[in-house]
Amino acid sequence: MAVVIKYVVERNGVERMTFTSKKEADAYDKMLDVAESLEQMLAKVDVPLSEQQVESLALEIAKRKDEFLSVLKGVKPETPKKAKKPETDADNEKVANINQA
């Protein structure tokens, strides 16, 4: 029989997530703390958002905290480079074949 240590993150009596590493569990717990604080802040904003929208938005901001902090400091976010679309037969039909004579 193996002994497995699990770290459970619990909020308001509800099990949110289980981890095998204390470090990961602590990081997730901290992220939930940030999201909770953001919810309180967003509830005061003069924008009509439902309670579910406020909760979802706060959680997403907390997940991407470092990216939001960079933007708030004035750093432009990195835009993903568009991958070059592979040519299709439809693209080739637009160009006349010079070998046809």
PDB file of N, CA and C in Angstrom:
ATOM      1  N   MET A   1       0.847  -1.178   0.000  1.00  0.00           N
ATOM      2  CA  MET A   1       0.000   0.000   0.000  1.00  0.00           C
ATOM      3  C   MET A   1       0.889   1.237   0.000  1.00  0.00           C
ATOM      4  N   ALA A   2       0.565   2.184  -0.883  1.00  0.00           N
ATOM      5  CA  ALA A   2       1.333   3.419  -0.979  1.00  0.00           C
ATOM      6  C   ALA A   2       0.646   4.524  -0.183  1.00  0.00           C
ATOM      7  N   VAL A   3       1.468   5.374   0.375  1.00  0.00           N
ATOM      8  CA  VAL A   3       0.955   6.534   1.092  1.00  0.00           C
ATOM      9  C   VAL A   3       1.104   7.749   0.174  1.00  0.00           C
ATOM     10  N   VAL A   4       0.011   8.439  -0.060  1.00  0.00           N
ATOM     11  CA  VAL A   4       0.021   9.597  -0.941  1.00  0.00           C
ATOM     12  C   VAL A   4      -0.438  10.810  -0.141  1.00  0.00           C
ATOM     13  N   ILE A   5       0.361  11.843  -0.196  1.00  0.00           N
ATOM     14  CA  ILE A   5       0.013  13.085   0.486  1.00  0.00           C
ATOM     15  C   ILE A   5      -0.673  13.991  -0.523  1.00  0.00           C
ATOM     16  N   LYS A   6      -1.837  14.496  -0.141  1.00  0.00           N
ATOM     17  CA  LYS A   6      -2.578  15.404  -1.017  1.00  0.00           C
ATOM     18  C   LYS A   6      -2.855  16.691  -0.258  1.00  0.00           C
ATOM     19  N   TYR A   7      -2.726  17.797  -0.972  1.00  0.00           N
ATOM     20  CA  TYR A   7      -3.017  19.110  -0.418  1.00  0.00           C
ATOM     21  C   TYR A   7      -4.311  19.597  -1.060  1.00  0.00           C
ATOM     22  N   VAL A   8      -5.298  19.862  -0.239  1.00  0.00           N
ATOM     23  CA  VAL A   8      -6.608  20.262  -0.724  1.00  0.00           C
ATOM     24  C   VAL A   8      -6.825  21.744  -0.435  1.00  0.00           C
ATOM     25  N   VAL A   9      -7.179  22.479  -1.474  1.00  0.00           N
ATOM     26  CA  VAL A   9      -7.508  23.896  -1.318  1.00  0.00           C
ATOM     27  C   VAL A   9      -9.024  23.958  -1.171  1.00  0.00           C
ATOM     28  N   GLU A  10      -9.444  24.538  -0.059  1.00  0.00           N
ATOM     29  CA  GLU A  10     -10.867  24.587   0.266  1.00  0.00           C
ATOM     30  C   GLU A  10     -11.273  26.031   0.520  1.00  0.00           C
ATOM     31  N   ARG A  11     -12.420  26.434  -0.022  1.00  0.00           N
ATOM     32  CA  ARG A  11     -12.954  27.784   0.195  1.00  0.00           C
ATOM     33  C   ARG A  11     -14.407  27.676   0.607  1.00  0.00           C
ATOM     34  N   ASN A  12     -14.758  28.294   1.712  1.00  0.00           N
ATOM     35  CA  ASN A  12     -16.141  28.303   2.202  1.00  0.00           C
ATOM     36  C   ASN A  12     -16.737  26.903   2.285  1.00  0.00           C
ATOM     37  N   GLY A  13     -15.941  25.957   2.739  1.00  0.00           N
ATOM     38  CA  GLY A  13     -16.408  24.586   2.894  1.00  0.00           C
ATOM     39  C   GLY A  13     -16.498  23.792   1.608  1.00  0.00           C
ATOM     40  N   VAL A  14     -16.051  24.374   0.505  1.00  0.00           N
ATOM     41  CA  VAL A  14     -16.099  23.695  -0.792  1.00  0.00           C
ATOM     42  C   VAL A  14     -14.688  23.381  -1.249  1.00  0.00           C
ATOM     43  N   GLU A  15     -14.461  22.117  -1.592  1.00  0.00           N
ATOM     44  CA  GLU A  15     -13.149  21.703  -2.086  1.00  0.00           C
ATOM     45  C   GLU A  15     -12.972  22.246  -3.492  1.00  0.00           C
ATOM     46  N   ARG A  16     -11.947  23.092  -3.670  1.00  0.00           N
ATOM     47  CA  ARG A  16     -11.726  23.735  -4.970  1.00  0.00           C
ATOM     48  C   ARG A  16     -10.776  22.946  -5.853  1.00  0.00           C
ATOM     49  N   MET A  17      -9.667  22.450  -5.260  1.00  0.00           N
ATOM     50  CA  MET A  17      -8.670  21.764  -6.062  1.00  0.00           C
ATOM     51  C   MET A  17      -7.782  20.928  -5.141  1.00  0.00           C
ATOM     52  N   THR A  18      -7.246  19.850  -5.677  1.00  0.00           N
ATOM     53  CA  THR A  18      -6.344  18.983  -4.929  1.00  0.00           C
ATOM     54  C   THR A  18      -4.996  18.946  -5.640  1.00  0.00           C
ATOM     55  N   PHE A  19      -3.933  19.040  -4.854  1.00  0.00           N
ATOM     56  CA  PHE A  19      -2.571  19.049  -5.405  1.00  0.00           C
ATOM     57  C   PHE A  19      -1.712  18.014  -4.697  1.00  0.00           C
ATOM     58  N   THR A  20      -0.642  17.617  -5.342  1.00  0.00           N
ATOM     59  CA  THR A  20       0.323  16.716  -4.716  1.00  0.00           C
ATOM     60  C   THR A  20       1.515  17.481  -4.170  1.00  0.00           C
ATOM     61  N   SER A  21       1.569  18.776  -4.467  1.00  0.00           N
ATOM     62  CA  SER A  21       2.667  19.626  -4.020  1.00  0.00           C
ATOM     63  C   SER A  21       2.125  20.771  -3.176  1.00  0.00           C
ATOM     64  N   LYS A  22       2.743  21.013  -2.038  1.00  0.00           N
ATOM     65  CA  LYS A  22       2.333  22.116  -1.168  1.00  0.00           C
ATOM     66  C   LYS A  22       2.539  23.450  -1.879  1.00  0.00           C
ATOM     67  N   LYS A  23       3.621  23.567  -2.632  1.00  0.00           N
ATOM     68  CA  LYS A  23       3.928  24.803  -3.355  1.00  0.00           C
ATOM     69  C   LYS A  23       2.802  25.149  -4.341  1.00  0.00           C
ATOM     70  N   GLU A  24       2.331  24.168  -5.102  1.00  0.00           N
ATOM     71  CA  GLU A  24       1.247  24.390  -6.054  1.00  0.00           C
ATOM     72  C   GLU A  24      -0.048  24.753  -5.339  1.00  0.00           C
ATOM     73  N   ALA A  25      -0.320  24.078  -4.238  1.00  0.00           N
ATOM     74  CA  ALA A  25      -1.538  24.355  -3.465  1.00  0.00           C
ATOM     75  C   ALA A  25      -1.503  25.772  -2.908  1.00  0.00           C
ATOM     76  N   ASP A  26      -0.359  26.187  -2.384  1.00  0.00           N
ATOM     77  CA  ASP A  26      -0.220  27.547  -1.853  1.00  0.00           C
ATOM     78  C   ASP A  26      -0.391  28.592  -2.952  1.00  0.00           C
ATOM     79  N   ALA A  27       0.176  28.330  -4.125  1.00  0.00           N
ATOM     80  CA  ALA A  27       0.066  29.262  -5.249  1.00  0.00           C
ATOM     81  C   ALA A  27      -1.392  29.397  -5.691  1.00  0.00           C
ATOM     82  N   TYR A  28      -2.101  28.293  -5.747  1.00  0.00           N
ATOM     83  CA  TYR A  28      -3.510  28.318  -6.142  1.00  0.00           C
ATOM     84  C   TYR A  28      -4.344  29.059  -5.099  1.00  0.00           C
ATOM     85  N   ASP A  29      -4.048  28.815  -3.831  1.00  0.00           N
ATOM     86  CA  ASP A  29      -4.750  29.488  -2.742  1.00  0.00           C
ATOM     87  C   ASP A  29      -4.524  30.996  -2.807  1.00  0.00           C
ATOM     88  N   LYS A  30      -3.296  31.400  -3.095  1.00  0.00           N
ATOM     89  CA  LYS A  30      -2.980  32.819  -3.208  1.00  0.00           C
ATOM     90  C   LYS A  30      -3.721  33.436  -4.394  1.00  0.00           C
ATOM     91  N   MET A  31      -3.797  32.704  -5.502  1.00  0.00           N
ATOM     92  CA  MET A  31      -4.513  33.182  -6.674  1.00  0.00           C
ATOM     93  C   MET A  31      -5.998  33.377  -6.344  1.00  0.00           C
ATOM     94  N   LEU A  32      -6.563  32.471  -5.548  1.00  0.00           N
ATOM     95  CA  LEU A  32      -7.957  32.620  -5.131  1.00  0.00           C
ATOM     96  C   LEU A  32      -8.137  33.829  -4.219  1.00  0.00           C
ATOM     97  N   ASP A  33      -7.138  34.108  -3.366  1.00  0.00           N
ATOM     98  CA  ASP A  33      -7.185  35.302  -2.514  1.00  0.00           C
ATOM     99  C   ASP A  33      -7.216  36.572  -3.373  1.00  0.00           C
ATOM    100  N   VAL A  34      -6.373  36.603  -4.395  1.00  0.00           N
ATOM    101  CA  VAL A  34      -6.321  37.754  -5.301  1.00  0.00           C
ATOM    102  C   VAL A  34      -7.668  37.903  -6.008  1.00  0.00           C
ATOM    103  N   ALA A  35      -8.221  36.792  -6.492  1.00  0.00           N
ATOM    104  CA  ALA A  35      -9.509  36.828  -7.188  1.00  0.00           C
ATOM    105  C   ALA A  35     -10.616  37.347  -6.265  1.00  0.00           C
ATOM    106  N   GLU A  36     -10.578  36.931  -5.020  1.00  0.00           N
ATOM    107  CA  GLU A  36     -11.571  37.386  -4.052  1.00  0.00           C
ATOM    108  C   GLU A  36     -11.479  38.901  -3.835  1.00  0.00           C
ATOM    109  N   SER A  37     -10.261  39.413  -3.725  1.00  0.00           N
ATOM    110  CA  SER A  37     -10.056  40.852  -3.564  1.00  0.00           C
ATOM    111  C   SER A  37     -10.515  41.610  -4.803  1.00  0.00           C
ATOM    112  N   LEU A  38     -10.233  41.038  -5.980  1.00  0.00           N
ATOM    113  CA  LEU A  38     -10.663  41.664  -7.230  1.00  0.00           C
ATOM    114  C   LEU A  38     -12.187  41.695  -7.343  1.00  0.00           C
ATOM    115  N   GLU A  39     -12.842  40.641  -6.869  1.00  0.00           N
ATOM    116  CA  GLU A  39     -14.304  40.613  -6.890  1.00  0.00           C
ATOM    117  C   GLU A  39     -14.870  41.791  -6.106  1.00  0.00           C
ATOM    118  N   GLN A  40     -14.302  42.045  -4.932  1.00  0.00           N
ATOM    119  CA  GLN A  40     -14.762  43.153  -4.101  1.00  0.00           C
ATOM    120  C   GLN A  40     -14.544  44.485  -4.817  1.00  0.00           C
ATOM    121  N   MET A  41     -13.430  44.604  -5.505  1.00  0.00           N
ATOM    122  CA  MET A  41     -13.122  45.818  -6.249  1.00  0.00           C
ATOM    123  C   MET A  41     -14.064  45.994  -7.439  1.00  0.00           C
ATOM    124  N   LEU A  42     -14.268  44.919  -8.184  1.00  0.00           N
ATOM    125  CA  LEU A  42     -15.111  44.976  -9.375  1.00  0.00           C
ATOM    126  C   LEU A  42     -16.576  45.227  -9.030  1.00  0.00           C
ATOM    127  N   ALA A  43     -16.999  44.814  -7.852  1.00  0.00           N
ATOM    128  CA  ALA A  43     -18.382  45.043  -7.430  1.00  0.00           C
ATOM    129  C   ALA A  43     -18.662  46.530  -7.269  1.00  0.00           C
ATOM    130  N   LYS A  44     -17.619  47.323  -7.020  1.00  0.00           N
ATOM    131  CA  LYS A  44     -17.769  48.769  -6.833  1.00  0.00           C
ATOM    132  C   LYS A  44     -17.715  49.540  -8.148  1.00  0.00           C
ATOM    133  N   VAL A  45     -17.307  48.882  -9.229  1.00  0.00           N
ATOM    134  CA  VAL A  45     -17.160  49.541 -10.522  1.00  0.00           C
ATOM    135  C   VAL A  45     -18.537  49.862 -11.092  1.00  0.00           C
ATOM    136  N   ASP A  46     -18.633  51.020 -11.721  1.00  0.00           N
ATOM    137  CA  ASP A  46     -19.903  51.474 -12.270  1.00  0.00           C
ATOM    138  C   ASP A  46     -20.142  50.902 -13.663  1.00  0.00           C
ATOM    139  N   VAL A  47     -20.069  49.581 -13.765  1.00  0.00           N
ATOM    140  CA  VAL A  47     -20.332  48.871 -15.015  1.00  0.00           C
ATOM    141  C   VAL A  47     -21.304  47.748 -14.672  1.00  0.00           C
ATOM    142  N   PRO A  48     -22.394  47.644 -15.411  1.00  0.00           N
ATOM    143  CA  PRO A  48     -23.383  46.612 -15.072  1.00  0.00           C
ATOM    144  C   PRO A  48     -22.870  45.204 -15.375  1.00  0.00           C
ATOM    145  N   LEU A  49     -22.456  44.507 -14.343  1.00  0.00           N
ATOM    146  CA  LEU A  49     -21.992  43.127 -14.470  1.00  0.00           C
ATOM    147  C   LEU A  49     -22.775  42.253 -13.496  1.00  0.00           C
ATOM    148  N   SER A  50     -23.101  41.059 -13.923  1.00  0.00           N
ATOM    149  CA  SER A  50     -23.771  40.135 -13.015  1.00  0.00           C
ATOM    150  C   SER A  50     -22.756  39.602 -12.011  1.00  0.00           C
ATOM    151  N   GLU A  51     -23.249  38.999 -10.960  1.00  0.00           N
ATOM    152  CA  GLU A  51     -22.361  38.433  -9.937  1.00  0.00           C
ATOM    153  C   GLU A  51     -21.454  37.368 -10.550  1.00  0.00           C
ATOM    154  N   GLN A  52     -22.008  36.560 -11.456  1.00  0.00           N
ATOM    155  CA  GLN A  52     -21.229  35.514 -12.132  1.00  0.00           C
ATOM    156  C   GLN A  52     -20.150  36.128 -13.019  1.00  0.00           C
ATOM    157  N   GLN A  53     -20.476  37.214 -13.710  1.00  0.00           N
ATOM    158  CA  GLN A  53     -19.491  37.873 -14.564  1.00  0.00           C
ATOM    159  C   GLN A  53     -18.360  38.467 -13.729  1.00  0.00           C
ATOM    160  N   VAL A  54     -18.709  39.070 -12.606  1.00  0.00           N
ATOM    161  CA  VAL A  54     -17.694  39.644 -11.718  1.00  0.00           C
ATOM    162  C   VAL A  54     -16.763  38.537 -11.220  1.00  0.00           C
ATOM    163  N   GLU A  55     -17.342  37.413 -10.814  1.00  0.00           N
ATOM    164  CA  GLU A  55     -16.548  36.290 -10.309  1.00  0.00           C
ATOM    165  C   GLU A  55     -15.632  35.734 -11.392  1.00  0.00           C
ATOM    166  N   SER A  56     -16.173  35.533 -12.590  1.00  0.00           N
ATOM    167  CA  SER A  56     -15.376  34.994 -13.700  1.00  0.00           C
ATOM    168  C   SER A  56     -14.260  35.942 -14.106  1.00  0.00           C
ATOM    169  N   LEU A  57     -14.591  37.229 -14.194  1.00  0.00           N
ATOM    170  CA  LEU A  57     -13.600  38.231 -14.573  1.00  0.00           C
ATOM    171  C   LEU A  57     -12.481  38.313 -13.541  1.00  0.00           C
ATOM    172  N   ALA A  58     -12.851  38.324 -12.274  1.00  0.00           N
ATOM    173  CA  ALA A  58     -11.856  38.391 -11.200  1.00  0.00           C
ATOM    174  C   ALA A  58     -10.936  37.185 -11.241  1.00  0.00           C
ATOM    175  N   LEU A  59     -11.480  36.011 -11.484  1.00  0.00           N
ATOM    176  CA  LEU A  59     -10.665  34.791 -11.534  1.00  0.00           C
ATOM    177  C   LEU A  59      -9.707  34.824 -12.721  1.00  0.00           C
ATOM    178  N   GLU A  60     -10.178  35.281 -13.879  1.00  0.00           N
ATOM    179  CA  GLU A  60      -9.310  35.360 -15.058  1.00  0.00           C
ATOM    180  C   GLU A  60      -8.194  36.383 -14.862  1.00  0.00           C
ATOM    181  N   ILE A  61      -8.527  37.524 -14.263  1.00  0.00           N
ATOM    182  CA  ILE A  61      -7.492  38.530 -14.002  1.00  0.00           C
ATOM    183  C   ILE A  61      -6.459  37.972 -13.028  1.00  0.00           C
ATOM    184  N   ALA A  62      -6.924  37.271 -12.004  1.00  0.00           N
ATOM    185  CA  ALA A  62      -6.004  36.686 -11.021  1.00  0.00           C
ATOM    186  C   ALA A  62      -5.099  35.639 -11.669  1.00  0.00           C
ATOM    187  N   LYS A  63      -5.637  34.859 -12.587  1.00  0.00           N
ATOM    188  CA  LYS A  63      -4.836  33.840 -13.276  1.00  0.00           C
ATOM    189  C   LYS A  63      -3.733  34.482 -14.112  1.00  0.00           C
ATOM    190  N   ARG A  64      -4.022  35.650 -14.689  1.00  0.00           N
ATOM    191  CA  ARG A  64      -3.069  36.333 -15.571  1.00  0.00           C
ATOM    192  C   ARG A  64      -2.525  37.602 -14.926  1.00  0.00           C
ATOM    193  N   LYS A  65      -2.356  37.530 -13.633  1.00  0.00           N
ATOM    194  CA  LYS A  65      -1.948  38.677 -12.830  1.00  0.00           C
ATOM    195  C   LYS A  65      -0.711  39.372 -13.381  1.00  0.00           C
ATOM    196  N   ASP A  66       0.307  38.618 -13.714  1.00  0.00           N
ATOM    197  CA  ASP A  66       1.564  39.204 -14.193  1.00  0.00           C
ATOM    198  C   ASP A  66       1.371  39.970 -15.504  1.00  0.00           C
ATOM    199  N   GLU A  67       0.547  39.431 -16.395  1.00  0.00           N
ATOM    200  CA  GLU A  67       0.278  40.113 -17.664  1.00  0.00           C
ATOM    201  C   GLU A  67      -0.459  41.425 -17.420  1.00  0.00           C
ATOM    202  N   PHE A  68      -1.450  41.399 -16.518  1.00  0.00           N
ATOM    203  CA  PHE A  68      -2.204  42.619 -16.209  1.00  0.00           C
ATOM    204  C   PHE A  68      -1.312  43.655 -15.539  1.00  0.00           C
ATOM    205  N   LEU A  69      -0.433  43.215 -14.654  1.00  0.00           N
ATOM    206  CA  LEU A  69       0.469  44.157 -13.992  1.00  0.00           C
ATOM    207  C   LEU A  69       1.378  44.839 -15.003  1.00  0.00           C
ATOM    208  N   SER A  70       1.867  44.085 -15.971  1.00  0.00           N
ATOM    209  CA  SER A  70       2.720  44.663 -17.018  1.00  0.00           C
ATOM    210  C   SER A  70       1.967  45.727 -17.807  1.00  0.00           C
ATOM    211  N   VAL A  71       0.743  45.436 -18.179  1.00  0.00           N
ATOM    212  CA  VAL A  71      -0.057  46.386 -18.939  1.00  0.00           C
ATOM    213  C   VAL A  71      -0.320  47.636 -18.105  1.00  0.00           C
ATOM    214  N   LEU A  72      -0.638  47.457 -16.828  1.00  0.00           N
ATOM    215  CA  LEU A  72      -0.897  48.600 -15.958  1.00  0.00           C
ATOM    216  C   LEU A  72       0.351  49.461 -15.746  1.00  0.00           C
ATOM    217  N   LYS A  73       1.517  48.853 -15.914  1.00  0.00           N
ATOM    218  CA  LYS A  73       2.774  49.601 -15.794  1.00  0.00           C
ATOM    219  C   LYS A  73       3.134  50.296 -17.099  1.00  0.00           C
ATOM    220  N   GLY A  74       2.344  50.072 -18.145  1.00  0.00           N
ATOM    221  CA  GLY A  74       2.586  50.744 -19.417  1.00  0.00           C
ATOM    222  C   GLY A  74       3.310  49.907 -20.445  1.00  0.00           C
ATOM    223  N   VAL A  75       3.572  48.663 -20.148  1.00  0.00           N
ATOM    224  CA  VAL A  75       4.241  47.781 -21.104  1.00  0.00           C
ATOM    225  C   VAL A  75       3.184  47.246 -22.065  1.00  0.00           C
ATOM    226  N   LYS A  76       3.467  47.349 -23.349  1.00  0.00           N
ATOM    227  CA  LYS A  76       2.509  46.853 -24.333  1.00  0.00           C
ATOM    228  C   LYS A  76       2.511  45.332 -24.312  1.00  0.00           C
ATOM    229  N   PRO A  77       1.307  44.745 -24.362  1.00  0.00           N
ATOM    230  CA  PRO A  77       1.241  43.277 -24.352  1.00  0.00           C
ATOM    231  C   PRO A  77       1.780  42.708 -25.657  1.00  0.00           C
ATOM    232  N   GLU A  78       2.357  41.535 -25.560  1.00  0.00           N
ATOM    233  CA  GLU A  78       2.862  40.868 -26.758  1.00  0.00           C
ATOM    234  C   GLU A  78       1.676  40.354 -27.550  1.00  0.00           C
ATOM    235  N   THR A  79       1.663  40.667 -28.828  1.00  0.00           N
ATOM    236  CA  THR A  79       0.607  40.138 -29.680  1.00  0.00           C
ATOM    237  C   THR A  79       1.131  38.877 -30.340  1.00  0.00           C
ATOM    238  N   PRO A  80       0.310  37.845 -30.344  1.00  0.00           N
ATOM    239  CA  PRO A  80       0.781  36.601 -30.966  1.00  0.00           C
ATOM    240  C   PRO A  80       1.001  36.817 -32.451  1.00  0.00           C
ATOM    241  N   LYS A  81       2.125  36.319 -32.931  1.00  0.00           N
ATOM    242  CA  LYS A  81       2.440  36.453 -34.354  1.00  0.00           C
ATOM    243  C   LYS A  81       1.544  35.511 -35.141  1.00  0.00           C
ATOM    244  N   LYS A  82       1.017  36.045 -36.234  1.00  0.00           N
ATOM    245  CA  LYS A  82       0.152  35.232 -37.067  1.00  0.00           C
ATOM    246  C   LYS A  82       0.998  34.199 -37.809  1.00  0.00           C
ATOM    247  N   ALA A  83       0.565  32.966 -37.725  1.00  0.00           N
ATOM    248  CA  ALA A  83       1.264  31.902 -38.433  1.00  0.00           C
ATOM    249  C   ALA A  83       0.945  32.030 -39.912  1.00  0.00           C
ATOM    250  N   LYS A  84       1.944  31.784 -40.719  1.00  0.00           N
ATOM    251  CA  LYS A  84       1.741  31.869 -42.158  1.00  0.00           C
ATOM    252  C   LYS A  84       0.807  30.742 -42.571  1.00  0.00           C
ATOM    253  N   LYS A  85      -0.283  31.125 -43.222  1.00  0.00           N
ATOM    254  CA  LYS A  85      -1.276  30.156 -43.631  1.00  0.00           C
ATOM    255  C   LYS A  85      -0.730  29.341 -44.805  1.00  0.00           C
ATOM    256  N   PRO A  86      -0.802  28.016 -44.691  1.00  0.00           N
ATOM    257  CA  PRO A  86      -0.315  27.208 -45.807  1.00  0.00           C
ATOM    258  C   PRO A  86      -1.204  27.413 -47.033  1.00  0.00           C
ATOM    259  N   GLU A  87      -0.571  27.361 -48.194  1.00  0.00           N
ATOM    260  CA  GLU A  87      -1.321  27.558 -49.434  1.00  0.00           C
ATOM    261  C   GLU A  87      -2.246  26.381 -49.677  1.00  0.00           C
ATOM    262  N   THR A  88      -3.406  26.705 -50.194  1.00  0.00           N
ATOM    263  CA  THR A  88      -4.373  25.668 -50.539  1.00  0.00           C
ATOM    264  C   THR A  88      -4.592  25.704 -52.041  1.00  0.00           C
ATOM    265  N   ASP A  89      -5.291  24.725 -52.533  1.00  0.00           N
ATOM    266  CA  ASP A  89      -5.598  24.685 -53.961  1.00  0.00           C
ATOM    267  C   ASP A  89      -6.435  25.892 -54.358  1.00  0.00           C
ATOM    268  N   ALA A  90      -7.312  26.340 -53.469  1.00  0.00           N
ATOM    269  CA  ALA A  90      -8.155  27.502 -53.761  1.00  0.00           C
ATOM    270  C   ALA A  90      -7.288  28.744 -53.961  1.00  0.00           C
ATOM    271  N   ASP A  91      -6.194  28.878 -53.196  1.00  0.00           N
ATOM    272  CA  ASP A  91      -5.281  30.005 -53.353  1.00  0.00           C
ATOM    273  C   ASP A  91      -4.577  29.934 -54.704  1.00  0.00           C
ATOM    274  N   ASN A  92      -4.242  28.736 -55.124  1.00  0.00           N
ATOM    275  CA  ASN A  92      -3.525  28.558 -56.381  1.00  0.00           C
ATOM    276  C   ASN A  92      -4.416  28.831 -57.590  1.00  0.00           C
ATOM    277  N   GLU A  93      -5.739  28.698 -57.441  1.00  0.00           N
ATOM    278  CA  GLU A  93      -6.656  28.931 -58.537  1.00  0.00           C
ATOM    279  C   GLU A  93      -6.717  30.409 -58.908  1.00  0.00           C
ATOM    280  N   LYS A  94      -6.376  31.277 -57.979  1.00  0.00           N
ATOM    281  CA  LYS A  94      -6.431  32.718 -58.221  1.00  0.00           C
ATOM    282  C   LYS A  94      -5.302  33.179 -59.133  1.00  0.00           C
ATOM    283  N   VAL A  95      -4.276  32.375 -59.263  1.00  0.00           N
ATOM    284  CA  VAL A  95      -3.123  32.733 -60.063  1.00  0.00           C
ATOM    285  C   VAL A  95      -3.165  31.904 -61.338  1.00  0.00           C
ATOM    286  N   ALA A  96      -3.003  32.565 -62.463  1.00  0.00           N
ATOM    287  CA  ALA A  96      -3.026  31.858 -63.741  1.00  0.00           C
ATOM    288  C   ALA A  96      -1.768  31.017 -63.881  1.00  0.00           C
ATOM    289  N   ASN A  97      -1.912  29.828 -64.386  1.00  0.00           N
ATOM    290  CA  ASN A  97      -0.780  28.946 -64.605  1.00  0.00           C
ATOM    291  C   ASN A  97      -0.101  29.358 -65.904  1.00  0.00           C
ATOM    292  N   ILE A  98       1.175  29.743 -65.816  1.00  0.00           N
ATOM    293  CA  ILE A  98       1.882  30.242 -66.993  1.00  0.00           C
ATOM    294  C   ILE A  98       2.314  29.113 -67.917  1.00  0.00           C
ATOM    295  N   ASN A  99       2.226  27.877 -67.471  1.00  0.00           N
ATOM    296  CA  ASN A  99       2.620  26.738 -68.299  1.00  0.00           C
ATOM    297  C   ASN A  99       1.510  26.355 -69.266  1.00  0.00           C
ATOM    298  N   GLN A 100       0.308  26.914 -69.085  1.00  0.00           N
ATOM    299  CA  GLN A 100      -0.795  26.620 -70.000  1.00  0.00           C
ATOM    300  C   GLN A 100      -0.630  27.490 -71.249  1.00  0.00           C
ATOM    301  N   ALA A 101      -0.489  26.893 -72.394  1.00  0.00           N
ATOM    302  CA  ALA A 101      -0.358  27.686 -73.615  1.00  0.00           C
ATOM    303  C   ALA A 101      -0.984  27.021 -74.773  1.00  0.00           C
TER     304      ALA A 101
END
